[in-house]
All heavy atoms as atom14 arrays in JSON, in Angstrom:
{
  "sequence": "SRNGIIVGDFSVAGDPRGHHYMVHAGGFHEIKLPGHPNADFTV",
  "atom14_mask": [
    [1, 1, 1, 1, 1, 1, 0, 0, 0, 0, 0, 0, 0, 0],
    [1, 1, 1, 1, 1, 1, 1, 1, 1, 1, 1, 0, 0, 0],
    [1, 1, 1, 1, 1, 1, 1, 1, 0, 0, 0, 0, 0, 0],
    [1, 1, 1, 1, 0, 0, 0, 0, 0, 0, 0, 0, 0, 0],
    [1, 1, 1, 1, 1, 1, 1, 1, 0, 0, 0, 0, 0, 0],
    [1, 1, 1, 1, 1, 1, 1, 1, 0, 0, 0, 0, 0, 0],
    [1, 1, 1, 1, 1, 1, 1, 0, 0, 0, 0, 0, 0, 0],
    [1, 1, 1, 1, 0, 0, 0, 0, 0, 0, 0, 0, 0, 0],
    [1, 1, 1, 1, 1, 1, 1, 1, 0, 0, 0, 0, 0, 0],
    [1, 1, 1, 1, 1, 1, 1, 1, 1, 1, 1, 0, 0, 0],
    [1, 1, 1, 1, 1, 1, 0, 0, 0, 0, 0, 0, 0, 0],
    [1, 1, 1, 1, 1, 1, 1, 0, 0, 0, 0, 0, 0, 0],
    [1, 1, 1, 1, 1, 0, 0, 0, 0, 0, 0, 0, 0, 0],
    [1, 1, 1, 1, 0, 0, 0, 0, 0, 0, 0, 0, 0, 0],
    [1, 1, 1, 1, 1, 1, 1, 1, 0, 0, 0, 0, 0, 0],
    [1, 1, 1, 1, 1, 1, 1, 0, 0, 0, 0, 0, 0, 0],
    [1, 1, 1, 1, 1, 1, 1, 1, 1, 1, 1, 0, 0, 0],
    [1, 1, 1, 1, 0, 0, 0, 0, 0, 0, 0, 0, 0, 0],
    [1, 1, 1, 1, 1, 1, 1, 1, 1, 1, 0, 0, 0, 0],
    [1, 1, 1, 1, 1, 1, 1, 1, 1, 1, 0, 0, 0, 0],
    [1, 1, 1, 1, 1, 1, 1, 1, 1, 1, 1, 1, 0, 0],
    [1, 1, 1, 1, 1, 1, 1, 1, 0, 0, 0, 0, 0, 0],
    [1, 1, 1, 1, 1, 1, 1, 0, 0, 0, 0, 0, 0, 0],
    [1, 1, 1, 1, 1, 1, 1, 1, 1, 1, 0, 0, 0, 0],
    [1, 1, 1, 1, 1, 0, 0, 0, 0, 0, 0, 0, 0, 0],
    [1, 1, 1, 1, 0, 0, 0, 0, 0, 0, 0, 0, 0, 0],
    [1, 1, 1, 1, 0, 0, 0, 0, 0, 0, 0, 0, 0, 0],
    [1, 1, 1, 1, 1, 1, 1, 1, 1, 1, 1, 0, 0, 0],
    [1, 1, 1, 1, 1, 1, 1, 1, 1, 1, 0, 0, 0, 0],
    [1, 1, 1, 1, 1, 1, 1, 1, 1, 0, 0, 0, 0, 0],
    [1, 1, 1, 1, 1, 1, 1, 1, 0, 0, 0, 0, 0, 0],
    [1, 1, 1, 1, 1, 1, 1, 1, 1, 0, 0, 0, 0, 0],
    [1, 1, 1, 1, 1, 1, 1, 1, 0, 0, 0, 0, 0, 0],
    [1, 1, 1, 1, 1, 1, 1, 0, 0, 0, 0, 0, 0, 0],
    [1, 1, 1, 1, 0, 0, 0, 0, 0, 0, 0, 0, 0, 0],
    [1, 1, 1, 1, 1, 1, 1, 1, 1, 1, 0, 0, 0, 0],
    [1, 1, 1, 1, 1, 1, 1, 0, 0, 0, 0, 0, 0, 0],
    [1, 1, 1, 1, 1, 1, 1, 1, 0, 0, 0, 0, 0, 0],
    [1, 1, 1, 1, 1, 0, 0, 0, 0, 0, 0, 0, 0, 0],
    [1, 1, 1, 1, 1, 1, 1, 1, 0, 0, 0, 0, 0, 0],
    [1, 1, 1, 1, 1, 1, 1, 1, 1, 1, 1, 0, 0, 0],
    [1, 1, 1, 1, 1, 1, 1, 0, 0, 0, 0, 0, 0, 0],
    [1, 1, 1, 1, 1, 1, 1, 0, 0, 0, 0, 0, 0, 0]
  ],
  "atom14_positions": [
    [[-136.42, 47.28, 146.35], [-137.84, 47.41, 146.1], [-138.17, 47.0, 144.67], [-137.28, 46.79, 143.83], [-138.28, 48.86, 146.33], [-137.75, 49.7, 145.31], [0.0, 0.0, 0.0], [0.0, 0.0, 0.0], [0.0, 0.0, 0.0], [0.0, 0.0, 0.0], [0.0, 0.0, 0.0], [0.0, 0.0, 0.0], [0.0, 0.0, 0.0], [0.0, 0.0, 0.0]],
    [[-139.46, 46.93, 144.34], [-139.88, 46.51, 143.01], [-139.43, 47.48, 141.92], [-139.29, 47.09, 140.75], [-141.4, 46.36, 142.95], [-142.15, 47.65, 143.18], [-143.65, 47.51, 142.94], [-144.37, 48.72, 143.29], [-144.46, 49.79, 142.52], [-143.89, 49.8, 141.32], [-145.14, 50.85, 142.92], [0.0, 0.0, 0.0], [0.0, 0.0, 0.0], [0.0, 0.0, 0.0]],
    [[-139.2, 48.76, 142.26], [-138.76, 49.73, 141.27], [-137.27, 50.02, 141.35], [-136.79, 51.02, 140.82], [-139.57, 51.03, 141.4], [-139.47, 51.66, 142.78], [-139.02, 51.0, 143.72], [-139.88, 52.9, 142.91], [0.0, 0.0, 0.0], [0.0, 0.0, 0.0], [0.0, 0.0, 0.0], [0.0, 0.0, 0.0], [0.0, 0.0, 0.0], [0.0, 0.0, 0.0]],
    [[-136.52, 49.14, 142.0], [-135.06, 49.21, 141.95], [-134.4, 50.09, 142.97], [-133.21, 50.4, 142.84], [0.0, 0.0, 0.0], [0.0, 0.0, 0.0], [0.0, 0.0, 0.0], [0.0, 0.0, 0.0], [0.0, 0.0, 0.0], [0.0, 0.0, 0.0], [0.0, 0.0, 0.0], [0.0, 0.0, 0.0], [0.0, 0.0, 0.0], [0.0, 0.0, 0.0]],
    [[-135.1, 50.51, 144.03], [-134.45, 51.22, 145.13], [-133.71, 50.19, 145.98], [-134.3, 49.22, 146.43], [-135.46, 51.98, 145.99], [-136.24, 53.0, 145.17], [-134.76, 52.67, 147.16], [-137.35, 53.69, 145.93], [0.0, 0.0, 0.0], [0.0, 0.0, 0.0], [0.0, 0.0, 0.0], [0.0, 0.0, 0.0], [0.0, 0.0, 0.0], [0.0, 0.0, 0.0]],
    [[-132.42, 50.41, 146.18], [-131.58, 49.48, 146.94], [-131.12, 50.16, 148.23], [-130.74, 51.33, 148.21], [-130.36, 49.03, 146.12], [-130.82, 48.25, 144.88], [-129.4, 48.17, 146.95], [-129.68, 47.9, 143.93], [0.0, 0.0, 0.0], [0.0, 0.0, 0.0], [0.0, 0.0, 0.0], [0.0, 0.0, 0.0], [0.0, 0.0, 0.0], [0.0, 0.0, 0.0]],
    [[-131.17, 49.42, 149.34], [-130.63, 49.91, 150.61], [-129.62, 48.91, 151.14], [-129.67, 47.71, 150.83], [-131.72, 50.17, 151.66], [-132.63, 51.31, 151.24], [-132.53, 48.9, 151.94], [0.0, 0.0, 0.0], [0.0, 0.0, 0.0], [0.0, 0.0, 0.0], [0.0, 0.0, 0.0], [0.0, 0.0, 0.0], [0.0, 0.0, 0.0], [0.0, 0.0, 0.0]],
    [[-128.7, 49.42, 151.95], [-127.7, 48.55, 152.55], [-126.77, 49.31, 153.46], [-127.09, 50.42, 153.92], [0.0, 0.0, 0.0], [0.0, 0.0, 0.0], [0.0, 0.0, 0.0], [0.0, 0.0, 0.0], [0.0, 0.0, 0.0], [0.0, 0.0, 0.0], [0.0, 0.0, 0.0], [0.0, 0.0, 0.0], [0.0, 0.0, 0.0], [0.0, 0.0, 0.0]],
    [[-125.61, 48.73, 153.7], [-124.62, 49.28, 154.62], [-123.32, 49.56, 153.88], [-123.02, 48.91, 152.87], [-124.34, 48.29, 155.76], [-125.61, 47.7, 156.34], [-126.53, 48.48, 156.64], [-125.68, 46.47, 156.48], [0.0, 0.0, 0.0], [0.0, 0.0, 0.0], [0.0, 0.0, 0.0], [0.0, 0.0, 0.0], [0.0, 0.0, 0.0], [0.0, 0.0, 0.0]],
    [[-122.54, 50.5, 154.4], [-121.21, 50.73, 153.86], [-120.27, 51.15, 154.98], [-120.71, 51.64, 156.02], [-121.22, 51.75, 152.73], [-121.48, 53.18, 153.15], [-120.43, 54.05, 153.41], [-122.78, 53.66, 153.24], [-120.68, 55.38, 153.78], [-123.04, 54.97, 153.6], [-121.98, 55.84, 153.88], [0.0, 0.0, 0.0], [0.0, 0.0, 0.0], [0.0, 0.0, 0.0]],
    [[-118.99, 50.93, 154.76], [-117.98, 51.33, 155.74], [-116.91, 52.15, 155.03], [-116.65, 51.99, 153.84], [-117.35, 50.11, 156.43], [-116.77, 49.24, 155.49], [0.0, 0.0, 0.0], [0.0, 0.0, 0.0], [0.0, 0.0, 0.0], [0.0, 0.0, 0.0], [0.0, 0.0, 0.0], [0.0, 0.0, 0.0], [0.0, 0.0, 0.0], [0.0, 0.0, 0.0]],
    [[-116.29, 53.04, 155.82], [-115.26, 53.95, 155.32], [-113.97, 53.67, 156.07], [-113.99, 53.46, 157.29], [-115.69, 55.42, 155.53], [-114.59, 56.37, 155.07], [-117.0, 55.7, 154.8], [0.0, 0.0, 0.0], [0.0, 0.0, 0.0], [0.0, 0.0, 0.0], [0.0, 0.0, 0.0], [0.0, 0.0, 0.0], [0.0, 0.0, 0.0], [0.0, 0.0, 0.0]],
    [[-112.85, 53.63, 155.36], [-111.55, 53.35, 155.98], [-111.27, 54.36, 157.09], [-111.43, 55.57, 156.91], [-110.45, 53.4, 154.93], [0.0, 0.0, 0.0], [0.0, 0.0, 0.0], [0.0, 0.0, 0.0], [0.0, 0.0, 0.0], [0.0, 0.0, 0.0], [0.0, 0.0, 0.0], [0.0, 0.0, 0.0], [0.0, 0.0, 0.0], [0.0, 0.0, 0.0]],
    [[-110.87, 53.84, 158.26], [-110.54, 54.69, 159.39], [-111.72, 55.16, 160.2], [-111.56, 55.87, 161.2], [0.0, 0.0, 0.0], [0.0, 0.0, 0.0], [0.0, 0.0, 0.0], [0.0, 0.0, 0.0], [0.0, 0.0, 0.0], [0.0, 0.0, 0.0], [0.0, 0.0, 0.0], [0.0, 0.0, 0.0], [0.0, 0.0, 0.0], [0.0, 0.0, 0.0]],
    [[-112.94, 54.79, 159.81], [-114.14, 55.19, 160.54], [-114.81, 53.94, 161.09], [-115.31, 53.11, 160.32], [-115.09, 55.93, 159.6], [-116.32, 56.49, 160.32], [-116.53, 56.14, 161.5], [-117.06, 57.28, 159.71], [0.0, 0.0, 0.0], [0.0, 0.0, 0.0], [0.0, 0.0, 0.0], [0.0, 0.0, 0.0], [0.0, 0.0, 0.0], [0.0, 0.0, 0.0]],
    [[-114.82, 53.74, 162.41], [-115.37, 52.51, 162.99], [-116.9, 52.45, 162.93], [-117.48, 51.39, 163.15], [-114.89, 52.56, 164.43], [-114.74, 54.02, 164.73], [-114.28, 54.65, 163.44], [0.0, 0.0, 0.0], [0.0, 0.0, 0.0], [0.0, 0.0, 0.0], [0.0, 0.0, 0.0], [0.0, 0.0, 0.0], [0.0, 0.0, 0.0], [0.0, 0.0, 0.0]],
    [[-117.55, 53.56, 162.63], [-119.02, 53.58, 162.63], [-119.58, 52.86, 161.39], [-118.97, 52.85, 160.33], [-119.53, 55.01, 162.65], [-119.15, 55.84, 163.86], [-119.61, 57.27, 163.65], [-119.05, 57.84, 162.42], [-119.57, 58.88, 161.78], [-120.68, 59.45, 162.23], [-118.99, 59.35, 160.69], [0.0, 0.0, 0.0], [0.0, 0.0, 0.0], [0.0, 0.0, 0.0]],
    [[-120.74, 52.3, 161.57], [-121.46, 51.76, 160.44], [-122.29, 52.85, 159.77], [-122.81, 53.75, 160.43], [0.0, 0.0, 0.0], [0.0, 0.0, 0.0], [0.0, 0.0, 0.0], [0.0, 0.0, 0.0], [0.0, 0.0, 0.0], [0.0, 0.0, 0.0], [0.0, 0.0, 0.0], [0.0, 0.0, 0.0], [0.0, 0.0, 0.0], [0.0, 0.0, 0.0]],
    [[-122.4, 52.78, 158.46], [-123.18, 53.75, 157.69], [-124.19, 52.99, 156.84], [-124.01, 51.81, 156.53], [-122.27, 54.58, 156.79], [-121.22, 55.36, 157.52], [-121.41, 56.65, 157.95], [-119.96, 55.03, 157.91], [-120.33, 57.09, 158.57], [-119.42, 56.11, 158.55], [0.0, 0.0, 0.0], [0.0, 0.0, 0.0], [0.0, 0.0, 0.0], [0.0, 0.0, 0.0]],
    [[-125.22, 53.71, 156.41], [-126.29, 53.09, 155.64], [-126.64, 53.99, 154.46], [-126.57, 55.22, 154.55], [-127.52, 52.87, 156.53], [-127.18, 52.27, 157.85], [-126.91, 50.93, 158.01], [-127.01, 52.83, 159.08], [-126.61, 50.68, 159.27], [-126.67, 51.82, 159.93], [0.0, 0.0, 0.0], [0.0, 0.0, 0.0], [0.0, 0.0, 0.0], [0.0, 0.0, 0.0]],
    [[-127.04, 53.38, 153.36], [-127.26, 54.13, 152.14], [-128.54, 53.7, 151.44], [-129.1, 52.62, 151.69], [-126.08, 53.94, 151.18], [-126.05, 52.57, 150.54], [-126.72, 52.31, 149.35], [-125.38, 51.52, 151.16], [-126.73, 51.03, 148.79], [-125.37, 50.24, 150.61], [-126.05, 50.02, 149.42], [-126.07, 48.75, 148.88], [0.0, 0.0, 0.0], [0.0, 0.0, 0.0]],
    [[-128.98, 54.56, 150.53], [-130.02, 54.25, 149.56], [-129.5, 54.66, 148.2], [-128.86, 55.71, 148.05], [-131.31, 55.01, 149.88], [-132.45, 54.76, 148.9], [-133.94, 55.74, 149.28], [-134.45, 54.97, 150.82], [0.0, 0.0, 0.0], [0.0, 0.0, 0.0], [0.0, 0.0, 0.0], [0.0, 0.0, 0.0], [0.0, 0.0, 0.0], [0.0, 0.0, 0.0]],
    [[-129.75, 53.83, 147.19], [-129.35, 54.17, 145.83], [-130.5, 53.84, 144.89], [-131.15, 52.81, 145.02], [-128.06, 53.44, 145.4], [-128.2, 51.92, 145.48], [-127.64, 53.86, 143.99], [0.0, 0.0, 0.0], [0.0, 0.0, 0.0], [0.0, 0.0, 0.0], [0.0, 0.0, 0.0], [0.0, 0.0, 0.0], [0.0, 0.0, 0.0], [0.0, 0.0, 0.0]],
    [[-130.76, 54.76, 143.96], [-131.8, 54.55, 142.95], [-131.36, 55.23, 141.66], [-130.99, 56.41, 141.68], [-133.14, 55.12, 143.41], [-134.29, 54.76, 142.53], [-135.32, 55.62, 142.27], [-134.54, 53.63, 141.81], [-136.18, 55.04, 141.46], [-135.73, 53.84, 141.16], [0.0, 0.0, 0.0], [0.0, 0.0, 0.0], [0.0, 0.0, 0.0], [0.0, 0.0, 0.0]],
    [[-131.36, 54.47, 140.58], [-130.96, 54.99, 139.27], [-129.58, 55.64, 139.33], [-129.33, 56.66, 138.67], [-132.0, 55.97, 138.75], [0.0, 0.0, 0.0], [0.0, 0.0, 0.0], [0.0, 0.0, 0.0], [0.0, 0.0, 0.0], [0.0, 0.0, 0.0], [0.0, 0.0, 0.0], [0.0, 0.0, 0.0], [0.0, 0.0, 0.0], [0.0, 0.0, 0.0]],
    [[-128.67, 55.06, 140.11], [-127.3, 55.54, 140.19], [-127.06, 56.67, 141.16], [-125.92, 57.09, 141.35], [0.0, 0.0, 0.0], [0.0, 0.0, 0.0], [0.0, 0.0, 0.0], [0.0, 0.0, 0.0], [0.0, 0.0, 0.0], [0.0, 0.0, 0.0], [0.0, 0.0, 0.0], [0.0, 0.0, 0.0], [0.0, 0.0, 0.0], [0.0, 0.0, 0.0]],
    [[-128.11, 57.18, 141.81], [-127.94, 58.27, 142.77], [-127.9, 57.76, 144.19], [-128.86, 57.15, 144.67], [0.0, 0.0, 0.0], [0.0, 0.0, 0.0], [0.0, 0.0, 0.0], [0.0, 0.0, 0.0], [0.0, 0.0, 0.0], [0.0, 0.0, 0.0], [0.0, 0.0, 0.0], [0.0, 0.0, 0.0], [0.0, 0.0, 0.0], [0.0, 0.0, 0.0]],
    [[-126.77, 58.0, 144.89], [-126.57, 57.53, 146.25], [-126.89, 58.63, 147.26], [-126.6, 59.81, 147.01], [-125.12, 57.11, 146.48], [-124.72, 55.82, 145.83], [-124.26, 55.81, 144.52], [-124.79, 54.62, 146.52], [-123.87, 54.62, 143.91], [-124.4, 53.44, 145.93], [-123.95, 53.44, 144.62], [0.0, 0.0, 0.0], [0.0, 0.0, 0.0], [0.0, 0.0, 0.0]],
    [[-127.43, 58.24, 148.42], [-127.41, 59.14, 149.56], [-127.34, 58.33, 150.84], [-127.81, 57.19, 150.89], [-128.6, 60.1, 149.56], [-129.89, 59.51, 150.01], [-130.84, 59.03, 149.14], [-130.43, 59.33, 151.26], [-131.88, 58.58, 149.79], [-131.66, 58.75, 151.09], [0.0, 0.0, 0.0], [0.0, 0.0, 0.0], [0.0, 0.0, 0.0], [0.0, 0.0, 0.0]],
    [[-126.74, 58.92, 151.86], [-126.62, 58.26, 153.15], [-127.93, 58.42, 153.92], [-128.54, 59.49, 153.94], [-125.46, 58.82, 153.96], [-125.22, 58.06, 155.27], [-123.94, 58.47, 155.98], [-123.19, 59.31, 155.43], [-123.68, 57.94, 157.08], [0.0, 0.0, 0.0], [0.0, 0.0, 0.0], [0.0, 0.0, 0.0], [0.0, 0.0, 0.0], [0.0, 0.0, 0.0]],
    [[-128.36, 57.34, 154.57], [-129.6, 57.35, 155.36], [-129.29, 57.83, 156.77], [-128.4, 57.29, 157.44], [-130.23, 55.96, 155.4], [-130.64, 55.52, 153.98], [-131.45, 55.94, 156.32], [-131.1, 54.08, 153.91], [0.0, 0.0, 0.0], [0.0, 0.0, 0.0], [0.0, 0.0, 0.0], [0.0, 0.0, 0.0], [0.0, 0.0, 0.0], [0.0, 0.0, 0.0]],
    [[-130.03, 58.83, 157.2], [-129.93, 59.34, 158.57], [-131.3, 59.21, 159.23], [-132.33, 59.29, 158.56], [-129.5, 60.81, 158.56], [-128.18, 61.09, 157.87], [-127.0, 60.72, 158.72], [-125.7, 61.23, 158.1], [-124.51, 60.92, 158.94], [0.0, 0.0, 0.0], [0.0, 0.0, 0.0], [0.0, 0.0, 0.0], [0.0, 0.0, 0.0], [0.0, 0.0, 0.0]],
    [[-131.31, 59.04, 160.55], [-132.55, 58.97, 161.28], [-132.84, 60.3, 161.98], [-132.08, 60.7, 162.86], [-132.51, 57.85, 162.34], [-132.46, 56.42, 161.83], [-132.61, 55.45, 163.0], [-133.51, 56.14, 160.77], [0.0, 0.0, 0.0], [0.0, 0.0, 0.0], [0.0, 0.0, 0.0], [0.0, 0.0, 0.0], [0.0, 0.0, 0.0], [0.0, 0.0, 0.0]],
    [[-133.91, 61.0, 161.59], [-134.24, 62.27, 162.24], [-134.45, 62.08, 163.74], [-135.13, 61.16, 164.18], [-135.55, 62.67, 161.55], [-135.56, 61.93, 160.25], [-134.85, 60.64, 160.51], [0.0, 0.0, 0.0], [0.0, 0.0, 0.0], [0.0, 0.0, 0.0], [0.0, 0.0, 0.0], [0.0, 0.0, 0.0], [0.0, 0.0, 0.0], [0.0, 0.0, 0.0]],
    [[-133.84, 62.96, 164.53], [-133.99, 62.88, 165.97], [-133.08, 61.89, 166.64], [-133.09, 61.77, 167.86], [0.0, 0.0, 0.0], [0.0, 0.0, 0.0], [0.0, 0.0, 0.0], [0.0, 0.0, 0.0], [0.0, 0.0, 0.0], [0.0, 0.0, 0.0], [0.0, 0.0, 0.0], [0.0, 0.0, 0.0], [0.0, 0.0, 0.0], [0.0, 0.0, 0.0]],
    [[-132.29, 61.15, 165.85], [-131.36, 60.16, 166.41], [-129.99, 60.32, 165.74], [-129.5, 59.43, 165.06], [-131.88, 58.74, 166.19], [-133.2, 58.47, 166.83], [-134.4, 58.88, 166.29], [-133.51, 57.84, 168.0], [-135.39, 58.5, 167.08], [-134.89, 57.88, 168.12], [0.0, 0.0, 0.0], [0.0, 0.0, 0.0], [0.0, 0.0, 0.0], [0.0, 0.0, 0.0]],
    [[-129.35, 61.49, 165.93], [-128.12, 61.79, 165.17], [-126.95, 60.88, 165.49], [-126.08, 60.67, 164.64], [-127.82, 63.24, 165.56], [-128.49, 63.43, 166.89], [-129.72, 62.59, 166.83], [0.0, 0.0, 0.0], [0.0, 0.0, 0.0], [0.0, 0.0, 0.0], [0.0, 0.0, 0.0], [0.0, 0.0, 0.0], [0.0, 0.0, 0.0], [0.0, 0.0, 0.0]],
    [[-126.9, 60.35, 166.71], [-125.76, 59.52, 167.1], [-126.12, 58.06, 167.3], [-125.33, 57.28, 167.83], [-125.15, 60.08, 168.4], [-124.68, 61.51, 168.25], [-124.0, 61.85, 167.28], [-125.03, 62.36, 169.21], [0.0, 0.0, 0.0], [0.0, 0.0, 0.0], [0.0, 0.0, 0.0], [0.0, 0.0, 0.0], [0.0, 0.0, 0.0], [0.0, 0.0, 0.0]],
    [[-127.3, 57.68, 166.87], [-127.77, 56.31, 167.11], [-127.09, 55.33, 166.17], [-126.81, 55.62, 165.01], [-129.28, 56.24, 166.93], [0.0, 0.0, 0.0], [0.0, 0.0, 0.0], [0.0, 0.0, 0.0], [0.0, 0.0, 0.0], [0.0, 0.0, 0.0], [0.0, 0.0, 0.0], [0.0, 0.0, 0.0], [0.0, 0.0, 0.0], [0.0, 0.0, 0.0]],
    [[-126.85, 54.15, 166.7], [-126.44, 53.01, 165.89], [-127.71, 52.28, 165.49], [-128.54, 51.94, 166.34], [-125.52, 52.1, 166.71], [-124.94, 50.97, 165.88], [-125.01, 51.05, 164.63], [-124.43, 50.0, 166.47], [0.0, 0.0, 0.0], [0.0, 0.0, 0.0], [0.0, 0.0, 0.0], [0.0, 0.0, 0.0], [0.0, 0.0, 0.0], [0.0, 0.0, 0.0]],
    [[-127.89, 52.05, 164.2], [-129.13, 51.45, 163.75], [-128.88, 50.56, 162.54], [-127.8, 50.57, 161.94], [-130.18, 52.53, 163.41], [-129.8, 53.44, 162.27], [-130.27, 53.21, 160.98], [-128.98, 54.55, 162.48], [-129.93, 54.05, 159.93], [-128.63, 55.4, 161.45], [-129.11, 55.15, 160.16], [0.0, 0.0, 0.0], [0.0, 0.0, 0.0], [0.0, 0.0, 0.0]],
    [[-129.88, 49.75, 162.2], [-129.8, 48.9, 161.03], [-130.82, 49.38, 160.0], [-131.81, 50.04, 160.32], [-130.1, 47.43, 161.36], [-131.47, 47.31, 161.79], [-129.17, 46.92, 162.46], [0.0, 0.0, 0.0], [0.0, 0.0, 0.0], [0.0, 0.0, 0.0], [0.0, 0.0, 0.0], [0.0, 0.0, 0.0], [0.0, 0.0, 0.0], [0.0, 0.0, 0.0]],
    [[-130.57, 49.02, 158.75], [-131.51, 49.24, 157.66], [-131.73, 47.88, 157.0], [-130.81, 47.31, 156.43], [-130.98, 50.26, 156.63], [-131.91, 50.32, 155.41], [-130.85, 51.64, 157.26], [0.0, 0.0, 0.0], [0.0, 0.0, 0.0], [0.0, 0.0, 0.0], [0.0, 0.0, 0.0], [0.0, 0.0, 0.0], [0.0, 0.0, 0.0], [0.0, 0.0, 0.0]]
  ]
}
């Protein structure tokens, strides 16, 4: 975004699932979709 919020994907060794993150000013958090706990999705 214009103020430096970055989103993307990440993977973890031994975990076949895809994960998604947001980072801003060095603070990371994983993106989850409310109501879709087991869904495969893109960001």
